[in-house]
Every structure is written in structure tokens, then in C-alpha cells.
């Protein structure tokens, strides 16, 4: 029986990435024209690691950083989101092993300052960690989603 791949192994398994591709006709309806970068998981993790305590970043900002780095029009929204999720789970796995220097995944938000309920520990874990760093978490409208109040004021500027 094959051994289950750990999150940390998934994070370091970059295959043939990063890779820049042309936006095809099908994708152009949503993404426009030009090129997009499919980043390596460790690139996404490296950006997430740069966010200091009290600061935040969104997936869209990570995508912009990656696009600029690779001279592409955009960063792939699908893989960037998946790789942030892998980075979060790899960090949680490392933390459970007793490691202290982990990726602060709770500082990476979805578009509009939303908490990512798919990150380890779900909304309650993220809420606890963000509030401990001085952020206020509020419900988003009438939905079951939560966001960081005035998140724009805490966005980090990573080059």
C-alpha cells in the first residue's frame, strides 16, 4: 500500500512549475488576454511567510506579486488558491510536529477580506489567531462568512 503524501511533501513537490502559459480563448472570457503564471507551491508559501504579525495579504495580491515576478499578465487564480491551501495545511502539520517557525496562513485572506474556512481549524481557528494579532472579525452580510474589519488598513506591501 502506498504511503499517504504529507502536506509538507505536497508543498515541496513543484513538478514542472512555475510555468507561464498563454491565456487561451476559453480562459480569455474570464481572464482577458495575455499570459498567466502557474506558480510553484513554494513560491506561494514564500510570499505568505513574508506577512508580519498584525499585517494581512489577499490571494489576489499574491497573484499580482507572482504575475509581476514572472512577467505574466495574471497569476492563475485556481492554482494560487490551491497552493495557499496546501501551504496552510503544511504549516498546520509542521505545527503539530512541534515546529515553531511556520507559515502564518491565517494572515492570508480571500478576496474582500474574507476568512478562508478551508484553512486548518476552520473559521474559529482563524478568528482566534487574527484577534490575537489585533484584528476585529465581523460577519459578512447575512451569510455564514466572516471577514476582517477594515482589512485594507492592514494589507502588507510585498515587492
N, C-alpha and C. Protein backbone atom coordinates (compact mmCIF):
# COMPACT_ATOMS: atom_id res chain seq x y z
N UNK A 1 0.84 -1.19 0.00
CA UNK A 1 0.00 0.00 0.00
C UNK A 1 0.88 1.25 0.00
N UNK A 2 0.51 2.23 -0.82
CA UNK A 2 1.30 3.44 -0.95
C UNK A 2 1.11 4.34 0.26
N UNK A 3 2.21 4.91 0.74
CA UNK A 3 2.19 5.84 1.87
C UNK A 3 1.50 7.14 1.45
N UNK A 4 0.69 7.69 2.33
CA UNK A 4 -0.01 8.93 2.04
C UNK A 4 0.98 10.09 2.00
N UNK A 5 0.85 10.93 0.99
CA UNK A 5 1.72 12.09 0.84
C UNK A 5 1.36 13.11 1.92
N UNK A 6 2.37 13.62 2.62
CA UNK A 6 2.12 14.63 3.65
C UNK A 6 1.90 15.98 2.99
N UNK A 7 1.33 16.91 3.74
CA UNK A 7 1.14 18.27 3.22
C UNK A 7 2.48 18.91 2.92
N UNK A 8 3.46 18.65 3.77
CA UNK A 8 4.79 19.24 3.56
C UNK A 8 5.43 18.69 2.27
N UNK A 9 5.18 17.42 1.97
CA UNK A 9 5.67 16.84 0.70
C UNK A 9 4.94 17.47 -0.49
N UNK A 10 3.65 17.69 -0.34
CA UNK A 10 2.88 18.34 -1.42
C UNK A 10 3.40 19.75 -1.67
N UNK A 11 3.76 20.44 -0.60
CA UNK A 11 4.26 21.81 -0.71
C UNK A 11 5.58 21.86 -1.48
N UNK A 12 6.44 20.89 -1.27
CA UNK A 12 7.76 20.90 -1.92
C UNK A 12 7.76 20.22 -3.29
N UNK A 13 6.66 19.58 -3.65
CA UNK A 13 6.58 18.89 -4.95
C UNK A 13 6.15 19.83 -6.04
N UNK A 14 7.10 20.51 -6.68
CA UNK A 14 6.74 21.54 -7.66
C UNK A 14 6.59 21.03 -9.09
N UNK A 15 6.92 19.76 -9.34
CA UNK A 15 6.82 19.18 -10.69
C UNK A 15 7.52 20.07 -11.71
N UNK A 16 6.80 20.58 -12.69
CA UNK A 16 7.42 21.43 -13.72
C UNK A 16 7.01 22.91 -13.54
N UNK A 17 6.81 23.31 -12.32
CA UNK A 17 6.36 24.67 -12.03
C UNK A 17 7.49 25.49 -11.43
N UNK A 18 7.47 26.80 -11.58
CA UNK A 18 6.46 27.65 -12.20
C UNK A 18 6.49 27.55 -13.73
N UNK A 19 5.38 27.94 -14.32
CA UNK A 19 5.25 27.89 -15.77
C UNK A 19 4.34 29.03 -16.23
N UNK A 20 4.73 29.73 -17.28
CA UNK A 20 3.92 30.80 -17.86
C UNK A 20 3.29 30.27 -19.14
N UNK A 21 1.98 30.46 -19.25
CA UNK A 21 1.25 29.99 -20.42
C UNK A 21 0.41 31.11 -21.01
N UNK A 22 0.05 30.95 -22.26
CA UNK A 22 -0.82 31.93 -22.94
C UNK A 22 -2.27 31.67 -22.53
N UNK A 23 -2.99 32.75 -22.31
CA UNK A 23 -4.42 32.64 -21.99
C UNK A 23 -5.14 32.25 -23.28
N UNK A 24 -5.77 31.07 -23.27
CA UNK A 24 -6.46 30.60 -24.48
C UNK A 24 -7.84 31.23 -24.59
N UNK A 25 -8.51 30.91 -25.68
CA UNK A 25 -9.82 31.52 -25.96
C UNK A 25 -10.84 31.24 -24.86
N UNK A 26 -10.83 30.03 -24.36
CA UNK A 26 -11.78 29.65 -23.31
C UNK A 26 -11.55 30.46 -22.03
N UNK A 27 -10.30 30.58 -21.62
CA UNK A 27 -9.97 31.32 -20.40
C UNK A 27 -10.11 32.83 -20.58
N UNK A 28 -9.99 33.30 -21.82
CA UNK A 28 -10.00 34.75 -22.07
C UNK A 28 -11.33 35.41 -21.69
N UNK A 29 -12.40 34.63 -21.67
CA UNK A 29 -13.70 35.19 -21.28
C UNK A 29 -13.68 35.68 -19.84
N UNK A 30 -12.91 34.99 -18.98
CA UNK A 30 -12.83 35.37 -17.56
C UNK A 30 -11.57 36.16 -17.24
N UNK A 31 -10.46 35.84 -17.92
CA UNK A 31 -9.17 36.39 -17.54
C UNK A 31 -8.63 37.45 -18.49
N UNK A 32 -9.30 37.68 -19.61
CA UNK A 32 -8.79 38.63 -20.59
C UNK A 32 -7.72 37.98 -21.45
N UNK A 33 -6.85 38.79 -22.02
CA UNK A 33 -5.82 38.24 -22.91
C UNK A 33 -4.44 38.40 -22.29
N UNK A 34 -3.48 37.69 -22.86
CA UNK A 34 -2.11 37.78 -22.37
C UNK A 34 -1.61 36.44 -21.89
N UNK A 35 -0.89 36.46 -20.77
CA UNK A 35 -0.31 35.24 -20.22
C UNK A 35 -0.67 35.10 -18.75
N UNK A 36 -0.55 33.87 -18.25
CA UNK A 36 -0.77 33.63 -16.82
C UNK A 36 0.33 32.72 -16.30
N UNK A 37 0.67 32.93 -15.04
CA UNK A 37 1.70 32.09 -14.42
C UNK A 37 1.02 31.07 -13.51
N UNK A 38 1.46 29.84 -13.65
CA UNK A 38 1.08 28.79 -12.71
C UNK A 38 2.29 28.68 -11.77
N UNK A 39 2.15 29.17 -10.55
CA UNK A 39 3.31 29.21 -9.66
C UNK A 39 3.66 27.84 -9.10
N UNK A 40 4.84 27.75 -8.51
CA UNK A 40 5.20 26.57 -7.74
C UNK A 40 4.61 26.75 -6.34
N UNK A 41 4.20 25.68 -5.68
CA UNK A 41 3.63 25.81 -4.33
C UNK A 41 4.54 26.57 -3.37
N UNK A 42 5.84 26.33 -3.44
CA UNK A 42 6.77 27.00 -2.52
C UNK A 42 6.84 28.51 -2.76
N UNK A 43 6.54 28.97 -3.99
CA UNK A 43 6.52 30.42 -4.26
C UNK A 43 5.37 31.08 -3.50
N UNK A 44 4.22 30.42 -3.52
CA UNK A 44 3.05 30.95 -2.80
C UNK A 44 3.36 30.96 -1.30
N UNK A 45 3.92 29.87 -0.81
CA UNK A 45 4.29 29.77 0.60
C UNK A 45 5.28 30.87 0.99
N UNK A 46 6.27 31.13 0.15
CA UNK A 46 7.29 32.14 0.45
C UNK A 46 6.66 33.52 0.61
N UNK A 47 5.69 33.85 -0.22
CA UNK A 47 5.01 35.15 -0.10
C UNK A 47 4.20 35.18 1.20
N UNK A 48 3.47 34.11 1.49
CA UNK A 48 2.67 34.04 2.71
C UNK A 48 3.56 34.19 3.96
N UNK A 49 4.75 33.65 3.92
CA UNK A 49 5.69 33.72 5.04
C UNK A 49 6.18 35.14 5.32
N UNK A 50 6.14 36.01 4.32
CA UNK A 50 6.63 37.38 4.46
C UNK A 50 5.65 38.31 5.18
N UNK A 51 4.45 37.85 5.43
CA UNK A 51 3.43 38.71 6.06
C UNK A 51 3.69 38.76 7.57
N UNK A 52 4.08 39.92 8.09
CA UNK A 52 4.40 40.01 9.52
C UNK A 52 3.15 40.06 10.40
N UNK A 53 3.35 39.81 11.67
CA UNK A 53 2.28 39.86 12.66
C UNK A 53 1.57 41.21 12.57
N UNK A 54 0.24 41.17 12.59
CA UNK A 54 -0.56 42.39 12.51
C UNK A 54 -0.88 42.84 11.10
N UNK A 55 -0.26 42.22 10.11
CA UNK A 55 -0.50 42.57 8.71
C UNK A 55 -1.25 41.44 8.01
N UNK A 56 -1.77 41.73 6.82
CA UNK A 56 -2.57 40.78 6.06
C UNK A 56 -2.21 40.84 4.58
N UNK A 57 -2.60 39.80 3.86
CA UNK A 57 -2.46 39.78 2.40
C UNK A 57 -3.67 39.02 1.86
N UNK A 58 -4.06 39.32 0.62
CA UNK A 58 -5.15 38.58 -0.01
C UNK A 58 -4.57 37.69 -1.12
N UNK A 59 -5.34 36.70 -1.49
CA UNK A 59 -4.93 35.82 -2.60
C UNK A 59 -4.70 36.65 -3.86
N UNK A 60 -5.53 37.65 -4.10
CA UNK A 60 -5.36 38.48 -5.30
C UNK A 60 -4.03 39.22 -5.28
N UNK A 61 -3.61 39.68 -4.11
CA UNK A 61 -2.31 40.35 -4.03
C UNK A 61 -1.17 39.36 -4.30
N UNK A 62 -1.30 38.14 -3.79
CA UNK A 62 -0.30 37.11 -4.06
C UNK A 62 -0.22 36.86 -5.56
N UNK A 63 -1.37 36.80 -6.21
CA UNK A 63 -1.41 36.59 -7.67
C UNK A 63 -0.70 37.72 -8.42
N UNK A 64 -0.92 38.95 -7.96
CA UNK A 64 -0.27 40.10 -8.60
C UNK A 64 1.25 40.05 -8.45
N UNK A 65 1.72 39.68 -7.26
CA UNK A 65 3.15 39.55 -6.99
C UNK A 65 3.76 38.49 -7.91
N UNK A 66 3.07 37.36 -8.03
CA UNK A 66 3.56 36.27 -8.89
C UNK A 66 3.58 36.67 -10.36
N UNK A 67 2.54 37.36 -10.81
CA UNK A 67 2.47 37.79 -12.21
C UNK A 67 3.64 38.73 -12.52
N UNK A 68 3.88 39.67 -11.63
CA UNK A 68 4.97 40.63 -11.83
C UNK A 68 6.32 39.91 -11.86
N UNK A 69 6.53 38.99 -10.92
CA UNK A 69 7.79 38.24 -10.84
C UNK A 69 8.08 37.47 -12.12
N UNK A 70 7.04 36.89 -12.72
CA UNK A 70 7.20 36.05 -13.91
C UNK A 70 6.88 36.76 -15.22
N UNK A 71 6.67 38.08 -15.14
CA UNK A 71 6.37 38.89 -16.33
C UNK A 71 5.15 38.34 -17.07
N UNK A 72 4.13 37.98 -16.30
CA UNK A 72 2.88 37.46 -16.87
C UNK A 72 1.77 38.50 -16.65
N UNK A 73 0.69 38.38 -17.39
CA UNK A 73 -0.44 39.30 -17.24
C UNK A 73 -1.13 39.09 -15.90
N UNK A 74 -1.35 37.82 -15.53
CA UNK A 74 -2.01 37.49 -14.26
C UNK A 74 -1.39 36.24 -13.64
N UNK A 75 -1.65 36.08 -12.35
CA UNK A 75 -1.32 34.83 -11.67
C UNK A 75 -2.56 33.95 -11.71
N UNK A 76 -2.38 32.67 -11.93
CA UNK A 76 -3.52 31.75 -12.03
C UNK A 76 -4.32 31.75 -10.74
N UNK A 77 -5.61 32.12 -10.79
CA UNK A 77 -6.41 32.17 -9.57
C UNK A 77 -6.67 30.78 -8.97
N UNK A 78 -6.75 29.77 -9.81
CA UNK A 78 -7.07 28.42 -9.32
C UNK A 78 -5.89 27.83 -8.57
N UNK A 79 -4.74 27.77 -9.23
CA UNK A 79 -3.59 27.13 -8.57
C UNK A 79 -3.06 27.96 -7.40
N UNK A 80 -3.13 29.28 -7.50
CA UNK A 80 -2.66 30.11 -6.39
C UNK A 80 -3.50 29.82 -5.15
N UNK A 81 -4.81 29.71 -5.32
CA UNK A 81 -5.69 29.37 -4.19
C UNK A 81 -5.42 27.99 -3.64
N UNK A 82 -5.23 27.02 -4.53
CA UNK A 82 -4.94 25.65 -4.09
C UNK A 82 -3.61 25.60 -3.35
N UNK A 83 -2.60 26.30 -3.86
CA UNK A 83 -1.28 26.25 -3.24
C UNK A 83 -1.26 26.98 -1.89
N UNK A 84 -2.09 28.01 -1.72
CA UNK A 84 -2.17 28.66 -0.40
C UNK A 84 -2.80 27.69 0.60
N UNK A 85 -3.75 26.92 0.14
CA UNK A 85 -4.42 25.92 0.97
C UNK A 85 -3.42 24.82 1.37
N UNK A 86 -2.60 24.38 0.42
CA UNK A 86 -1.56 23.39 0.72
C UNK A 86 -0.56 23.97 1.71
N UNK A 87 -0.14 25.22 1.50
CA UNK A 87 0.81 25.87 2.42
C UNK A 87 0.23 25.94 3.84
N UNK A 88 -1.07 26.25 3.93
CA UNK A 88 -1.73 26.33 5.23
C UNK A 88 -1.73 24.97 5.93
N UNK A 89 -2.06 23.93 5.20
CA UNK A 89 -2.10 22.59 5.80
C UNK A 89 -0.69 22.08 6.13
N UNK A 90 0.29 22.44 5.31
CA UNK A 90 1.68 22.05 5.60
C UNK A 90 2.15 22.75 6.87
N UNK A 91 1.76 24.01 7.05
CA UNK A 91 2.12 24.75 8.27
C UNK A 91 1.45 24.13 9.49
N UNK A 92 0.19 23.77 9.36
CA UNK A 92 -0.53 23.13 10.47
C UNK A 92 0.12 21.79 10.83
N UNK A 93 0.48 21.05 9.82
CA UNK A 93 1.15 19.75 10.02
C UNK A 93 2.49 19.95 10.76
N UNK A 94 3.26 20.96 10.33
CA UNK A 94 4.54 21.25 10.98
C UNK A 94 4.34 21.70 12.42
N UNK A 95 3.30 22.51 12.64
CA UNK A 95 2.99 22.98 14.00
C UNK A 95 2.63 21.80 14.91
N UNK A 96 1.88 20.86 14.38
CA UNK A 96 1.52 19.67 15.16
C UNK A 96 2.74 18.80 15.48
N UNK A 97 3.79 18.93 14.67
CA UNK A 97 5.04 18.21 14.92
C UNK A 97 5.93 18.96 15.92
N UNK A 98 5.45 20.14 16.37
CA UNK A 98 6.20 20.91 17.35
C UNK A 98 7.06 22.02 16.77
N UNK A 99 7.00 22.21 15.46
CA UNK A 99 7.80 23.27 14.84
C UNK A 99 7.17 24.63 15.15
N UNK A 100 8.03 25.63 15.37
CA UNK A 100 7.56 26.97 15.73
C UNK A 100 7.53 27.93 14.55
N UNK A 101 8.49 27.81 13.64
CA UNK A 101 8.59 28.74 12.52
C UNK A 101 7.74 28.22 11.35
N UNK A 102 6.44 28.50 11.43
CA UNK A 102 5.52 28.02 10.39
C UNK A 102 4.98 29.20 9.58
N UNK A 103 4.44 28.89 8.43
CA UNK A 103 3.80 29.90 7.58
C UNK A 103 2.56 30.43 8.29
N UNK A 104 2.45 31.76 8.47
CA UNK A 104 1.28 32.33 9.14
C UNK A 104 0.07 32.42 8.19
N UNK A 105 -0.46 31.27 7.87
CA UNK A 105 -1.53 31.16 6.87
C UNK A 105 -2.78 31.96 7.22
N UNK A 106 -3.04 32.17 8.49
CA UNK A 106 -4.24 32.89 8.92
C UNK A 106 -4.20 34.35 8.48
N UNK A 107 -3.05 34.85 8.06
CA UNK A 107 -2.92 36.22 7.59
C UNK A 107 -3.23 36.35 6.10
N UNK A 108 -3.49 35.24 5.43
CA UNK A 108 -3.83 35.25 4.01
C UNK A 108 -5.34 35.13 3.87
N UNK A 109 -5.94 36.17 3.31
CA UNK A 109 -7.39 36.25 3.19
C UNK A 109 -7.85 36.03 1.75
N UNK A 110 -9.12 35.71 1.63
CA UNK A 110 -9.73 35.62 0.31
C UNK A 110 -10.08 37.05 -0.14
N UNK A 111 -10.57 37.18 -1.35
CA UNK A 111 -10.99 38.47 -1.89
C UNK A 111 -11.98 39.14 -0.93
N UNK A 112 -11.84 40.43 -0.76
CA UNK A 112 -12.76 41.18 0.08
C UNK A 112 -12.51 41.02 1.57
N UNK A 113 -11.36 40.46 1.94
CA UNK A 113 -11.03 40.32 3.35
C UNK A 113 -11.68 39.14 4.04
N UNK A 114 -12.24 38.21 3.25
CA UNK A 114 -12.91 37.05 3.84
C UNK A 114 -11.92 36.04 4.40
N UNK A 115 -12.30 35.41 5.52
CA UNK A 115 -11.51 34.33 6.08
C UNK A 115 -11.73 33.09 5.23
N UNK A 116 -10.70 32.28 5.08
CA UNK A 116 -10.79 31.07 4.28
C UNK A 116 -11.17 29.90 5.18
N UNK A 117 -12.43 29.53 5.15
CA UNK A 117 -12.95 28.48 6.03
C UNK A 117 -12.33 27.11 5.76
N UNK A 118 -11.62 26.96 4.63
CA UNK A 118 -10.99 25.68 4.30
C UNK A 118 -9.59 25.55 4.90
N UNK A 119 -9.10 26.60 5.53
CA UNK A 119 -7.80 26.52 6.19
C UNK A 119 -7.93 25.68 7.46
N UNK A 120 -6.81 25.14 7.95
CA UNK A 120 -6.85 24.26 9.14
C UNK A 120 -7.56 24.89 10.33
N UNK A 121 -8.39 24.09 10.97
CA UNK A 121 -9.11 24.56 12.16
C UNK A 121 -10.36 25.37 11.85
N UNK A 122 -10.58 25.65 10.57
CA UNK A 122 -11.78 26.38 10.16
C UNK A 122 -11.82 27.81 10.66
N UNK A 123 -13.01 28.38 10.61
CA UNK A 123 -13.19 29.80 10.94
C UNK A 123 -12.80 30.12 12.38
N UNK A 124 -13.09 29.23 13.31
CA UNK A 124 -12.80 29.53 14.72
C UNK A 124 -11.29 29.67 14.96
N UNK A 125 -10.50 28.80 14.36
CA UNK A 125 -9.05 28.89 14.49
C UNK A 125 -8.53 30.20 13.90
N UNK A 126 -9.00 30.55 12.71
CA UNK A 126 -8.56 31.79 12.07
C UNK A 126 -8.96 33.00 12.89
N UNK A 127 -10.20 33.00 13.35
CA UNK A 127 -10.73 34.10 14.16
C UNK A 127 -9.87 34.29 15.42
N UNK A 128 -9.57 33.21 16.12
CA UNK A 128 -8.78 33.27 17.34
C UNK A 128 -7.39 33.84 17.06
N UNK A 129 -6.74 33.34 16.01
CA UNK A 129 -5.38 33.79 15.68
C UNK A 129 -5.35 35.25 15.24
N UNK A 130 -6.32 35.65 14.41
CA UNK A 130 -6.35 37.02 13.92
C UNK A 130 -6.69 38.01 15.04
N UNK A 131 -7.62 37.65 15.89
CA UNK A 131 -7.97 38.52 17.01
C UNK A 131 -6.79 38.68 17.97
N UNK A 132 -6.01 37.62 18.14
CA UNK A 132 -4.82 37.69 18.99
C UNK A 132 -3.78 38.66 18.43
N UNK A 133 -3.86 38.93 17.13
CA UNK A 133 -2.94 39.88 16.49
C UNK A 133 -3.56 41.27 16.34
N UNK A 134 -4.72 41.48 16.96
CA UNK A 134 -5.32 42.81 16.99
C UNK A 134 -6.38 43.10 15.95
N UNK A 135 -6.78 42.10 15.16
CA UNK A 135 -7.80 42.31 14.14
C UNK A 135 -9.19 42.05 14.71
N UNK A 136 -10.18 42.71 14.14
CA UNK A 136 -11.58 42.51 14.52
C UNK A 136 -12.25 41.71 13.41
N UNK A 137 -12.90 40.61 13.79
CA UNK A 137 -13.58 39.75 12.82
C UNK A 137 -15.07 40.02 12.90
N UNK A 138 -15.68 40.25 11.74
CA UNK A 138 -17.10 40.55 11.68
C UNK A 138 -17.79 39.66 10.65
N UNK A 139 -19.11 39.42 10.83
CA UNK A 139 -19.83 38.65 9.81
C UNK A 139 -19.93 39.46 8.52
N UNK A 140 -19.95 38.78 7.41
CA UNK A 140 -20.09 39.43 6.11
C UNK A 140 -21.56 39.33 5.71
N UNK A 141 -22.27 40.44 5.83
CA UNK A 141 -23.69 40.46 5.49
C UNK A 141 -24.48 39.45 6.30
N UNK A 142 -25.42 38.78 5.64
CA UNK A 142 -26.25 37.78 6.32
C UNK A 142 -25.72 36.37 6.13
N UNK A 143 -24.60 36.25 5.44
CA UNK A 143 -24.09 34.92 5.12
C UNK A 143 -23.33 34.32 6.31
N UNK A 144 -22.85 33.10 6.11
CA UNK A 144 -22.08 32.41 7.14
C UNK A 144 -20.59 32.77 7.04
N UNK A 145 -20.26 33.74 6.21
CA UNK A 145 -18.87 34.13 6.01
C UNK A 145 -18.46 35.22 6.99
N UNK A 146 -17.16 35.25 7.28
CA UNK A 146 -16.61 36.26 8.17
C UNK A 146 -15.45 36.95 7.48
N UNK A 147 -15.21 38.20 7.88
CA UNK A 147 -14.14 38.98 7.28
C UNK A 147 -13.42 39.79 8.35
N UNK A 148 -12.25 40.29 8.01
CA UNK A 148 -11.51 41.17 8.89
C UNK A 148 -12.02 42.58 8.65
N UNK A 149 -12.48 43.22 9.72
CA UNK A 149 -12.98 44.59 9.63
C UNK A 149 -11.83 45.51 9.20
N UNK A 150 -12.12 46.38 8.24
CA UNK A 150 -11.14 47.34 7.72
C UNK A 150 -9.81 46.67 7.34
N UNK A 151 -9.91 45.49 6.73
CA UNK A 151 -8.70 44.73 6.38
C UNK A 151 -7.74 45.50 5.50
N UNK A 152 -8.27 46.41 4.67
CA UNK A 152 -7.44 47.18 3.75
C UNK A 152 -6.36 47.96 4.51
N UNK A 153 -6.67 48.40 5.71
CA UNK A 153 -5.71 49.19 6.50
C UNK A 153 -4.53 48.34 6.98
N UNK A 154 -4.68 47.04 6.95
CA UNK A 154 -3.61 46.14 7.44
C UNK A 154 -2.88 45.39 6.33
N UNK A 155 -3.19 45.71 5.08
CA UNK A 155 -2.54 44.99 3.98
C UNK A 155 -1.06 45.32 3.93
N UNK A 156 -0.26 44.29 3.74
CA UNK A 156 1.19 44.44 3.68
C UNK A 156 1.60 44.75 2.25
N UNK A 157 2.72 45.47 2.09
CA UNK A 157 3.22 45.79 0.76
C UNK A 157 4.46 44.95 0.51
N UNK A 158 4.29 43.85 -0.20
CA UNK A 158 5.40 42.94 -0.51
C UNK A 158 5.79 43.15 -1.97
N UNK A 159 7.02 43.38 -2.21
CA UNK A 159 7.50 43.59 -3.58
C UNK A 159 7.88 42.27 -4.21
